[in-house]
């Protein structure tokens, strides 16, 4: 049997993986050169994004395929939607690298810099491979490659942290690992049932005489992927891991990891073709529960990171919402919403991290009056929150919600549309409550020793200014949201 390999099509995956190997080799040849490792890591992520960029302009039906069998089926196939998700994941990881640069380049982190850089590259490569997976083996391996390195990234904390803070990070890593193992078990069981039902491991339009078995397989795979996207009731790891992980890694989990989850869901939906009503109902219930519980719990949070964690759960419901319909554009609508969410959430995390270093805490109370004390950062955070809420002048967020709702209303699933509309109001309450803190009177200054940096680490004196790299990220991400609001692109 002849297989058409075509490695050029897989460059968005191969470049980060090859860079991870080069980072480790560089560490062996030049130990202690931590900054060189980080520059090489950034080059690898940027190179992967450049390799994925041509796919953004692909017309309908065009695919960059690799490992194609004589039957015409390919184990790797990236169309415009897959390339868009790949491009988003690689640039999101690049933003996280910039956020982590100061911590990873410190003298106390010399030995860890190449390790964390290689882990970041490996996890991102797995994320990039998922949307283009053409068979169950590629999907399962890619999902684990996208997940397992993040466990280590959560556990590998800043050496300056206190022992209790490090122990908390280990707890968060264990929660993520446990969830990942359960998720993989469900996915593996679903994959086995899929092979039994269809007689093939390929993720193509299935033909089976056992539709009930295929339905069971799709439900197991859906449940396994629901862990990755932080959908209720598979979300328990999210608040714990987000709060205990280093803040840049939390940003990675909240954004790039969600690209991996949606990529897996898109692969599943496309493979099923005409989705059974039972599967649609399962997706609809996951979406409704996620957005409702996420928003309700976020309403009572007093810590910015914990609020963003529950916001991620709520936003997962919006990402799943279009997939609960039979529309041929459902996957594109979900991806469109995810991209807006990723940009807005990255901007929110950049500002939260900057304010945490300026004020010494991630408490919402420390954000009170930020519009007067740190107006530029507060304006950027306000733009991100308005986008997540779907309120003008952040038209990009409003368009994203309309795009996500359109497939559901087109199918006449009115109960889900009503739940989504109610959650629009709940979401507005969540984010406007935060914006009100930004507009309020500045909080009274407390003693430095009472200011835990990075949501609970050992006391470190607050910074006097925001790094230039953070300002660059704020400017670029805010500009993307502004451009998206002025010239909304709609569905990918």
Protein backbone atom coordinates (compact mmCIF):
# COMPACT_ATOMS: atom_id res chain seq x y z
CA UNK A 1 0.00 0.00 0.00
CA UNK A 2 1.40 3.39 -1.07
CA UNK A 3 0.97 6.39 1.23
CA UNK A 4 1.37 9.96 -0.02
CA UNK A 5 3.29 11.56 2.85
CA UNK A 6 3.59 15.26 1.82
CA UNK A 7 5.31 16.56 4.96
CA UNK A 8 5.06 20.16 3.70
CA UNK A 9 1.36 20.15 4.53
CA UNK A 10 2.17 19.33 8.17
CA UNK A 11 4.65 22.20 8.69
CA UNK A 12 2.35 24.01 11.19
CA UNK A 13 2.77 20.92 13.41
CA UNK A 14 6.32 19.92 12.51
CA UNK A 15 7.91 23.34 13.05
CA UNK A 16 6.93 23.63 16.76
CA UNK A 17 7.87 19.98 17.35
CA UNK A 18 11.25 20.38 15.64
CA UNK A 19 11.83 23.59 17.59
CA UNK A 20 11.16 21.74 20.87
CA UNK A 21 13.91 19.24 19.96
CA UNK A 22 16.28 22.08 19.00
CA UNK A 23 15.61 23.84 22.31
CA UNK A 24 16.64 20.72 24.23
CA UNK A 25 19.71 20.22 22.02
CA UNK A 26 20.67 23.86 22.51
CA UNK A 27 20.40 23.40 26.25
CA UNK A 28 22.74 20.41 26.06
CA UNK A 29 25.25 22.34 23.95
CA UNK A 30 24.97 25.72 25.70
CA UNK A 31 23.66 25.19 29.23
CA UNK A 32 22.50 28.29 31.04
CA UNK A 33 21.69 30.35 27.93
CA UNK A 34 18.04 30.71 28.90
CA UNK A 35 17.26 33.77 26.73
CA UNK A 36 18.46 31.96 23.60
CA UNK A 37 15.98 29.16 24.33
CA UNK A 38 13.13 31.63 24.55
CA UNK A 39 14.06 33.38 21.31
CA UNK A 40 14.23 30.01 19.58
CA UNK A 41 10.82 29.10 21.02
CA UNK A 42 9.28 32.32 19.73
CA UNK A 43 10.80 31.69 16.31
CA UNK A 44 9.28 28.21 16.22
CA UNK A 45 5.80 29.44 17.14
CA UNK A 46 5.99 32.28 14.63
CA UNK A 47 7.27 29.90 11.95
CA UNK A 48 4.37 27.55 12.56
CA UNK A 49 1.91 30.46 12.26
CA UNK A 50 3.51 31.54 8.98
CA UNK A 51 3.21 27.96 7.68
CA UNK A 52 -0.49 27.90 8.60
CA UNK A 53 -1.22 31.35 7.13
CA UNK A 54 -1.71 30.26 3.47
CA UNK A 55 -4.58 28.04 4.59
CA UNK A 56 -6.48 31.13 5.75
CA UNK A 57 -7.01 32.08 2.10
CA UNK A 58 -8.02 28.60 0.90
CA UNK A 59 -11.31 28.37 -0.97
CA UNK A 60 -14.04 25.92 -0.06
CA UNK A 61 -12.98 22.35 -0.82
CA UNK A 62 -9.22 23.02 -0.80
CA UNK A 63 -7.20 21.12 1.80
CA UNK A 64 -3.54 20.72 2.69
CA UNK A 65 -3.39 16.92 3.01
CA UNK A 66 -0.75 14.48 4.18
CA UNK A 67 -0.44 10.73 4.78
CA UNK A 68 -3.11 10.01 2.17
CA UNK A 69 -4.12 6.41 1.48
CA UNK A 70 -4.84 4.97 -1.99
CA UNK A 71 -8.55 5.12 -1.11
CA UNK A 72 -8.31 8.93 -1.00
CA UNK A 73 -8.69 9.17 2.78
CA UNK A 74 -6.03 11.28 4.51
CA UNK A 75 -4.80 11.05 8.08
CA UNK A 76 -4.07 14.79 8.05
CA UNK A 77 -6.18 17.33 6.19
CA UNK A 78 -6.28 21.07 6.95
CA UNK A 79 -8.92 23.19 5.22
CA UNK A 80 -9.55 26.89 5.82
CA UNK A 81 -11.34 26.28 9.13
CA UNK A 82 -8.59 24.00 10.46
CA UNK A 83 -5.88 26.42 9.32
CA UNK A 84 -7.65 29.29 11.07
CA UNK A 85 -7.74 27.34 14.33
CA UNK A 86 -4.07 26.40 13.89
CA UNK A 87 -3.08 30.01 13.25
CA UNK A 88 -5.05 31.16 16.30
CA UNK A 89 -3.44 28.53 18.56
CA UNK A 90 0.12 29.35 17.47
CA UNK A 91 -0.28 33.10 17.92
CA UNK A 92 -2.03 32.55 21.25
CA UNK A 93 0.92 30.47 22.44
CA UNK A 94 3.26 33.24 21.27
CA UNK A 95 1.35 35.73 23.45
CA UNK A 96 1.71 33.36 26.42
CA UNK A 97 5.46 33.09 25.76
CA UNK A 98 5.78 36.87 25.88
CA UNK A 99 3.80 36.96 29.14
CA UNK A 100 6.09 34.29 30.63
CA UNK A 101 9.34 35.79 29.31
CA UNK A 102 10.28 37.72 32.45
CA UNK A 103 9.70 34.74 34.76
CA UNK A 104 11.35 32.15 32.52
CA UNK A 105 14.44 34.28 31.84
CA UNK A 106 15.26 34.98 35.50
CA UNK A 107 18.52 33.62 36.88
CA UNK A 108 16.58 31.46 39.35
CA UNK A 109 14.78 29.80 36.44
CA UNK A 110 17.85 28.95 34.36
CA UNK A 111 17.45 25.20 34.58
CA UNK A 112 13.73 25.31 33.84
CA UNK A 113 13.70 27.65 30.83
CA UNK A 114 14.45 24.98 28.17
CA UNK A 115 12.07 22.51 29.82
CA UNK A 116 9.09 24.85 29.99
CA UNK A 117 9.83 26.13 26.49
CA UNK A 118 9.87 22.59 25.09
CA UNK A 119 6.66 21.77 26.97
CA UNK A 120 4.94 24.84 25.57
CA UNK A 121 6.01 23.93 22.03
CA UNK A 122 4.91 20.32 22.42
CA UNK A 123 1.48 21.23 23.79
CA UNK A 124 0.95 23.77 21.02
CA UNK A 125 1.99 21.27 18.34
CA UNK A 126 -0.61 18.83 19.66
CA UNK A 127 -3.24 21.56 19.61
CA UNK A 128 -2.37 22.45 16.02
CA UNK A 129 -2.63 18.81 14.87
CA UNK A 130 -6.13 18.22 16.29
CA UNK A 131 -8.29 20.21 13.82
CA UNK A 132 -6.61 18.42 10.88
CA UNK A 133 -6.86 14.89 12.32
CA UNK A 134 -8.29 12.40 9.86
CA UNK A 135 -8.29 9.25 11.97
CA UNK A 136 -8.87 8.24 15.57
CA UNK A 137 -5.21 7.48 16.25
CA UNK A 138 -4.07 10.95 15.19
CA UNK A 139 -6.89 12.54 17.18
CA UNK A 140 -6.14 10.67 20.42
CA UNK A 141 -2.37 11.16 20.25
CA UNK A 142 -2.75 14.85 19.39
CA UNK A 143 -5.19 15.44 22.24
CA UNK A 144 -2.83 13.88 24.76
CA UNK A 145 0.13 15.79 23.33
CA UNK A 146 -1.91 18.98 23.77
CA UNK A 147 -2.82 18.09 27.36
CA UNK A 148 -0.03 16.24 29.20
CA UNK A 149 2.65 18.98 28.84
CA UNK A 150 0.24 21.51 30.33
CA UNK A 151 0.12 19.44 33.52
CA UNK A 152 3.86 19.93 33.93
CA UNK A 153 3.56 23.63 33.05
CA UNK A 154 1.07 24.06 35.90
CA UNK A 155 3.31 22.23 38.37
CA UNK A 156 6.58 23.96 37.36
CA UNK A 157 6.12 27.14 39.37
CA UNK A 158 8.28 30.16 40.05
CA UNK A 159 11.15 29.11 42.39
CA UNK A 160 10.50 32.25 44.46
CA UNK A 161 7.05 31.02 45.47
CA UNK A 162 6.41 29.91 49.03
CA UNK A 163 6.00 26.22 49.86
CA UNK A 164 2.20 26.45 50.38
CA UNK A 165 1.84 28.20 47.02
CA UNK A 166 3.85 25.49 45.28
CA UNK A 167 1.74 22.82 46.97
CA UNK A 168 -1.39 24.52 45.67
CA UNK A 169 0.05 24.45 42.15
CA UNK A 170 0.71 20.72 42.47
CA UNK A 171 -2.91 20.25 43.56
CA UNK A 172 -4.04 22.10 40.45
CA UNK A 173 -1.76 19.98 38.27
CA UNK A 174 -3.10 16.78 39.84
CA UNK A 175 -6.68 17.93 39.22
CA UNK A 176 -5.83 18.58 35.58
CA UNK A 177 -4.00 15.24 35.25
CA UNK A 178 -6.86 13.29 36.82
CA UNK A 179 -9.38 14.95 34.55
CA UNK A 180 -7.15 14.30 31.57
CA UNK A 181 -6.92 10.59 32.38
CA UNK A 182 -10.69 10.27 32.76
CA UNK A 183 -11.14 12.22 29.54
CA UNK A 184 -8.71 9.98 27.69
CA UNK A 185 -10.52 6.89 29.01
CA UNK A 186 -13.82 8.15 27.64
CA UNK A 187 -12.21 9.06 24.32
CA UNK A 188 -10.50 5.67 24.02
CA UNK A 189 -13.75 3.86 24.78
CA UNK A 190 -15.57 5.97 22.23
CA UNK A 191 -12.85 5.28 19.66
CA UNK A 192 -13.11 1.54 20.25
CA UNK A 193 -16.89 1.64 19.83
CA UNK A 194 -16.45 3.71 16.67
CA UNK A 195 -14.15 1.08 15.13
CA UNK A 196 -16.57 -1.70 16.06
CA UNK A 197 -19.53 0.21 14.62
CA UNK A 198 -17.88 1.33 11.38
CA UNK A 199 -15.07 -1.18 10.88
CA UNK A 200 -12.59 1.67 10.36
CA UNK A 201 -10.55 4.11 12.41
CA UNK A 202 -10.89 6.82 9.76
CA UNK A 203 -12.89 9.92 10.66
CA UNK A 204 -14.85 9.98 7.44
CA UNK A 205 -18.59 9.77 6.81
CA UNK A 206 -19.41 6.48 8.59
CA UNK A 207 -21.44 3.67 7.05
CA UNK A 208 -22.69 1.23 9.62
CA UNK A 209 -25.38 -1.29 10.26
CA UNK A 210 -25.09 -0.55 13.97
CA UNK A 211 -26.36 3.03 14.37
CA UNK A 212 -26.98 2.61 18.10
CA UNK A 213 -23.36 1.62 18.65
CA UNK A 214 -22.17 4.58 16.56
CA UNK A 215 -24.39 6.89 18.61
CA UNK A 216 -22.88 5.53 21.82
CA UNK A 217 -19.39 6.03 20.40
CA UNK A 218 -20.10 9.64 19.48
CA UNK A 219 -21.52 10.38 22.94
CA UNK A 220 -18.40 8.97 24.65
CA UNK A 221 -16.11 11.00 22.39
CA UNK A 222 -18.24 14.08 23.03
CA UNK A 223 -17.98 13.60 26.80
CA UNK A 224 -14.21 13.16 26.55
CA UNK A 225 -13.88 16.40 24.61
CA UNK A 226 -16.23 18.20 27.02
CA UNK A 227 -13.52 17.88 29.68
CA UNK A 228 -11.11 19.78 27.45
CA UNK A 229 -13.53 22.62 26.75
CA UNK A 230 -14.52 22.95 30.45
CA UNK A 231 -18.18 22.23 29.79
CA UNK A 232 -20.51 21.46 32.70
CA UNK A 233 -20.59 18.88 34.31
CA UNK A 234 -16.99 18.13 33.28
CA UNK A 235 -15.59 21.47 34.50
CA UNK A 236 -14.55 20.75 38.10
CA UNK A 237 -10.83 21.03 37.37
CA UNK A 238 -11.09 24.49 35.84
CA UNK A 239 -11.42 26.85 38.86
CA UNK A 240 -8.82 24.98 40.92
CA UNK A 241 -6.22 24.71 38.17
CA UNK A 242 -6.70 28.27 36.91
CA UNK A 243 -6.23 29.83 40.34
CA UNK A 244 -3.18 27.74 41.33
CA UNK A 245 -1.25 27.77 38.04
CA UNK A 246 1.18 30.56 37.06
CA UNK A 247 -0.92 33.29 35.47
CA UNK A 248 0.55 32.99 31.93
CA UNK A 249 -0.15 29.24 31.99
CA UNK A 250 -3.69 29.98 33.15
CA UNK A 251 -4.03 32.21 30.09
CA UNK A 252 -2.79 29.31 27.95
CA UNK A 253 -5.35 26.91 29.45
CA UNK A 254 -8.15 29.45 28.97
CA UNK A 255 -7.37 30.11 25.31
CA UNK A 256 -5.04 27.81 23.37
CA UNK A 257 -6.34 24.65 25.09
CA UNK A 258 -9.88 25.62 24.08
CA UNK A 259 -8.75 25.66 20.46
CA UNK A 260 -7.73 22.02 20.92
CA UNK A 261 -11.13 21.15 22.37
CA UNK A 262 -13.08 22.85 19.59
CA UNK A 263 -10.80 21.27 16.99
CA UNK A 264 -11.70 17.84 18.33
CA UNK A 265 -15.41 18.69 18.35
CA UNK A 266 -15.24 19.94 14.77
CA UNK A 267 -13.53 16.72 13.68
CA UNK A 268 -16.26 14.68 15.40
CA UNK A 269 -19.16 16.69 13.94
CA UNK A 270 -17.72 16.53 10.44
CA UNK A 271 -17.11 12.80 10.72
CA UNK A 272 -20.69 12.13 11.77
CA UNK A 273 -22.16 14.12 8.92
CA UNK A 274 -25.86 13.97 9.71
CA UNK A 275 -25.88 14.05 13.48
CA UNK A 276 -28.39 11.99 15.41
CA UNK A 277 -30.96 13.99 17.43
CA UNK A 278 -29.71 12.39 20.63
CA UNK A 279 -26.21 13.73 20.04
CA UNK A 280 -27.62 17.16 19.25
CA UNK A 281 -29.60 17.09 22.49
CA UNK A 282 -26.45 16.16 24.45
CA UNK A 283 -24.56 19.10 22.93
CA UNK A 284 -27.50 21.43 23.62
CA UNK A 285 -27.66 20.37 27.28
CA UNK A 286 -23.90 20.82 27.69
CA UNK A 287 -24.16 24.30 26.18
CA UNK A 288 -27.15 25.35 28.31
CA UNK A 289 -25.69 24.05 31.58
CA UNK A 290 -22.25 25.50 30.92
CA UNK A 291 -23.33 29.04 30.14
CA UNK A 292 -25.89 29.13 32.97
CA UNK A 293 -23.81 27.67 35.80
CA UNK A 294 -20.68 29.47 34.64
CA UNK A 295 -22.38 32.87 34.67
CA UNK A 296 -24.20 32.32 37.97
CA UNK A 297 -21.05 31.30 39.84
CA UNK A 298 -18.98 34.04 38.16
CA UNK A 299 -21.43 36.61 39.55
CA UNK A 300 -20.21 36.04 43.13
CA UNK A 301 -16.46 35.82 42.52
CA UNK A 302 -14.15 38.43 44.08
CA UNK A 303 -10.91 37.28 42.44
CA UNK A 304 -10.20 38.19 38.81
CA UNK A 305 -8.61 34.84 37.93
CA UNK A 306 -11.37 32.80 39.53
CA UNK A 307 -13.95 34.96 37.76
CA UNK A 308 -12.19 34.37 34.44
CA UNK A 309 -12.16 30.64 35.20
CA UNK A 310 -15.94 30.57 35.57
CA UNK A 311 -16.20 32.90 32.59
CA UNK A 312 -14.38 30.23 30.60
CA UNK A 313 -17.03 27.70 31.63
CA UNK A 314 -19.79 30.08 30.53
CA UNK A 315 -18.05 30.91 27.26
CA UNK A 316 -17.63 27.17 26.59
CA UNK A 317 -21.42 27.03 26.42
CA UNK A 318 -21.42 29.69 23.71
CA UNK A 319 -18.75 27.79 21.75
CA UNK A 320 -20.89 24.61 21.94
CA UNK A 321 -24.12 26.45 21.14
CA UNK A 322 -23.91 26.41 17.30
CA UNK A 323 -22.90 22.72 17.33
CA UNK A 324 -26.34 21.85 18.76
CA UNK A 325 -27.86 22.45 15.32
CA UNK A 326 -27.92 20.68 11.96
CA UNK A 327 -26.62 23.75 10.15
CA UNK A 328 -23.77 23.15 7.73
CA UNK A 329 -22.16 26.33 9.06
CA UNK A 330 -22.34 25.30 12.72
CA UNK A 331 -18.64 24.45 13.01
CA UNK A 332 -17.66 27.71 11.33
CA UNK A 333 -19.92 29.69 13.67
CA UNK A 334 -18.37 27.97 16.71
CA UNK A 335 -14.87 28.72 15.43
CA UNK A 336 -15.77 32.36 14.78
CA UNK A 337 -17.00 32.74 18.34
CA UNK A 338 -13.93 30.98 19.74
CA UNK A 339 -11.52 33.32 17.94
CA UNK A 340 -13.23 36.42 19.35
CA UNK A 341 -13.25 34.80 22.79
CA UNK A 342 -9.54 33.91 22.57
CA UNK A 343 -8.50 37.46 21.63
CA UNK A 344 -10.68 39.06 24.34
CA UNK A 345 -9.59 36.59 27.03
CA UNK A 346 -5.91 36.98 26.18
CA UNK A 347 -6.29 40.76 26.45
CA UNK A 348 -8.06 40.38 29.81
CA UNK A 349 -5.28 38.15 31.14
CA UNK A 350 -2.52 40.47 29.90
CA UNK A 351 -4.12 43.37 31.79
CA UNK A 352 -4.88 41.27 34.89
CA UNK A 353 -1.24 40.14 35.03
CA UNK A 354 -0.02 43.72 34.57
CA UNK A 355 -2.33 45.01 37.31
CA UNK A 356 -1.31 42.12 39.58
CA UNK A 357 2.32 43.22 39.33
CA UNK A 358 1.37 46.86 39.91
CA UNK A 359 -1.06 46.39 42.79
CA UNK A 360 0.20 43.11 44.24
CA UNK A 361 -3.02 41.11 43.90
CA UNK A 362 -5.60 39.72 41.48
CA UNK A 363 -8.47 40.70 43.78
CA UNK A 364 -11.27 42.62 42.06
CA UNK A 365 -11.18 45.08 44.94
CA UNK A 366 -7.64 46.07 43.90
CA UNK A 367 -9.06 46.97 40.47
CA UNK A 368 -11.36 49.57 42.00
CA UNK A 369 -10.56 52.97 40.55
CA UNK A 370 -8.13 51.57 37.97
CA UNK A 371 -9.66 53.89 35.37
CA UNK A 372 -8.10 56.78 37.34
CA UNK A 373 -4.87 55.18 38.50
CA UNK A 374 -4.05 53.08 35.40
CA UNK A 375 -6.37 54.45 32.69
CA UNK A 376 -4.81 52.79 29.64
CA UNK A 377 -4.79 49.33 31.21
CA UNK A 378 -8.34 49.83 32.52
CA UNK A 379 -9.57 50.89 29.07
CA UNK A 380 -8.07 47.78 27.49
CA UNK A 381 -9.59 45.56 30.19
CA UNK A 382 -12.94 47.28 29.73
CA UNK A 383 -12.80 46.59 26.00
CA UNK A 384 -12.08 42.90 26.65
CA UNK A 385 -14.95 42.63 29.16
CA UNK A 386 -17.40 44.41 26.85
CA UNK A 387 -16.41 42.00 24.08
CA UNK A 388 -17.06 38.98 26.29
CA UNK A 389 -20.38 40.51 27.33
CA UNK A 390 -21.33 41.30 23.73
CA UNK A 391 -21.99 44.98 24.43
CA UNK A 392 -21.26 48.01 22.20
CA UNK A 393 -18.91 49.58 21.40
CA UNK A 394 -17.25 46.12 21.31
CA UNK A 395 -19.26 45.09 18.26
CA UNK A 396 -16.99 42.07 17.66
CA UNK A 397 -18.44 40.36 20.75
CA UNK A 398 -22.00 41.22 19.75
CA UNK A 399 -21.52 39.85 16.22
CA UNK A 400 -19.93 36.69 17.64
CA UNK A 401 -22.99 36.03 19.81
CA UNK A 402 -25.36 36.64 16.89
CA UNK A 403 -23.33 34.28 14.72
CA UNK A 404 -23.42 31.62 17.46
CA UNK A 405 -27.19 31.99 17.91
CA UNK A 406 -28.11 31.96 14.23
CA UNK A 407 -27.75 28.18 13.59
CA UNK A 408 -29.87 27.39 16.66
CA UNK A 409 -32.68 29.76 15.73
CA UNK A 410 -32.50 28.55 12.13
CA UNK A 411 -33.20 25.00 13.35
CA UNK A 412 -36.07 26.18 15.51
CA UNK A 413 -34.47 25.04 18.79
CA UNK A 414 -36.24 27.83 20.64
CA UNK A 415 -35.75 26.52 24.18
CA UNK A 416 -31.98 26.69 23.74
CA UNK A 417 -32.22 30.13 22.12
CA UNK A 418 -34.22 31.37 25.14
CA UNK A 419 -31.61 29.95 27.55
CA UNK A 420 -28.89 31.69 25.54
CA UNK A 421 -30.80 34.99 25.60
CA UNK A 422 -31.19 34.79 29.38
CA UNK A 423 -27.48 34.10 29.67
CA UNK A 424 -26.73 37.20 27.65
CA UNK A 425 -28.28 39.18 30.51
CA UNK A 426 -26.40 37.13 33.11
CA UNK A 427 -23.13 37.63 31.25
CA UNK A 428 -23.69 41.38 31.08
CA UNK A 429 -24.17 41.40 34.86
CA UNK A 430 -20.92 39.45 35.36
CA UNK A 431 -18.75 41.73 33.27
CA UNK A 432 -20.44 45.07 34.04
CA UNK A 433 -19.92 44.34 37.75
CA UNK A 434 -16.19 44.16 37.04
CA UNK A 435 -16.29 47.30 34.88
CA UNK A 436 -18.05 49.13 37.73
CA UNK A 437 -15.03 48.37 39.94
CA UNK A 438 -12.75 49.90 37.33
CA UNK A 439 -14.85 53.08 37.26
CA UNK A 440 -15.21 53.38 41.05
CA UNK A 441 -13.13 55.33 43.53
CA UNK A 442 -9.59 54.01 44.04
CA UNK A 443 -9.26 51.58 46.93
CA UNK A 444 -7.30 52.68 49.96
CA UNK A 445 -3.64 51.71 49.84
CA UNK A 446 -2.78 48.76 52.08
CA UNK A 447 0.56 47.65 53.47
CA UNK A 448 2.90 45.93 51.03
CA UNK A 449 3.18 42.77 53.09
CA UNK A 450 -0.59 42.28 52.68
CA UNK A 451 -0.35 42.17 48.90
CA UNK A 452 0.04 38.58 47.67
CA UNK A 453 1.37 38.64 44.13
CA UNK A 454 0.06 36.13 41.59
CA UNK A 455 -3.03 35.15 43.58
CA UNK A 456 -1.28 33.85 46.65
CA UNK A 457 2.46 33.59 46.14
CA UNK A 458 5.03 34.71 48.64
CA UNK A 459 5.14 38.48 49.10
CA UNK A 460 7.13 40.24 46.37
CA UNK A 461 7.28 44.04 46.14
CA UNK A 462 4.86 45.32 43.48
CA UNK A 463 6.41 46.58 40.25
CA UNK A 464 6.60 50.31 39.61
CA UNK A 465 5.80 50.17 35.90
CA UNK A 466 4.34 47.90 33.26
CA UNK A 467 6.90 46.18 30.96
CA UNK A 468 7.05 47.34 27.35
CA UNK A 469 6.21 43.80 26.19
CA UNK A 470 2.91 43.96 28.07
CA UNK A 471 2.08 47.29 26.45
CA UNK A 472 2.80 45.82 23.02
CA UNK A 473 0.47 42.89 23.71
CA UNK A 474 -2.24 45.22 25.01
CA UNK A 475 -1.94 47.42 21.92
CA UNK A 476 -2.01 44.53 19.44
CA UNK A 477 -4.87 42.60 21.07
CA UNK A 478 -6.95 45.74 21.63
CA UNK A 479 -6.36 46.76 18.01
CA UNK A 480 -7.63 43.37 16.83
CA UNK A 481 -10.84 43.82 18.82
CA UNK A 482 -11.28 47.37 17.54
CA UNK A 483 -10.74 46.31 13.94
CA UNK A 484 -13.13 43.40 14.46
CA UNK A 485 -15.71 45.84 15.79
CA UNK A 486 -15.30 48.33 12.93
CA UNK A 487 -15.24 45.71 10.16
CA UNK A 488 -16.84 42.57 11.60
CA UNK A 489 -15.99 39.56 9.47
CA UNK A 490 -18.81 37.29 10.65
CA UNK A 491 -18.44 33.56 10.01
CA UNK A 492 -15.06 32.15 8.98
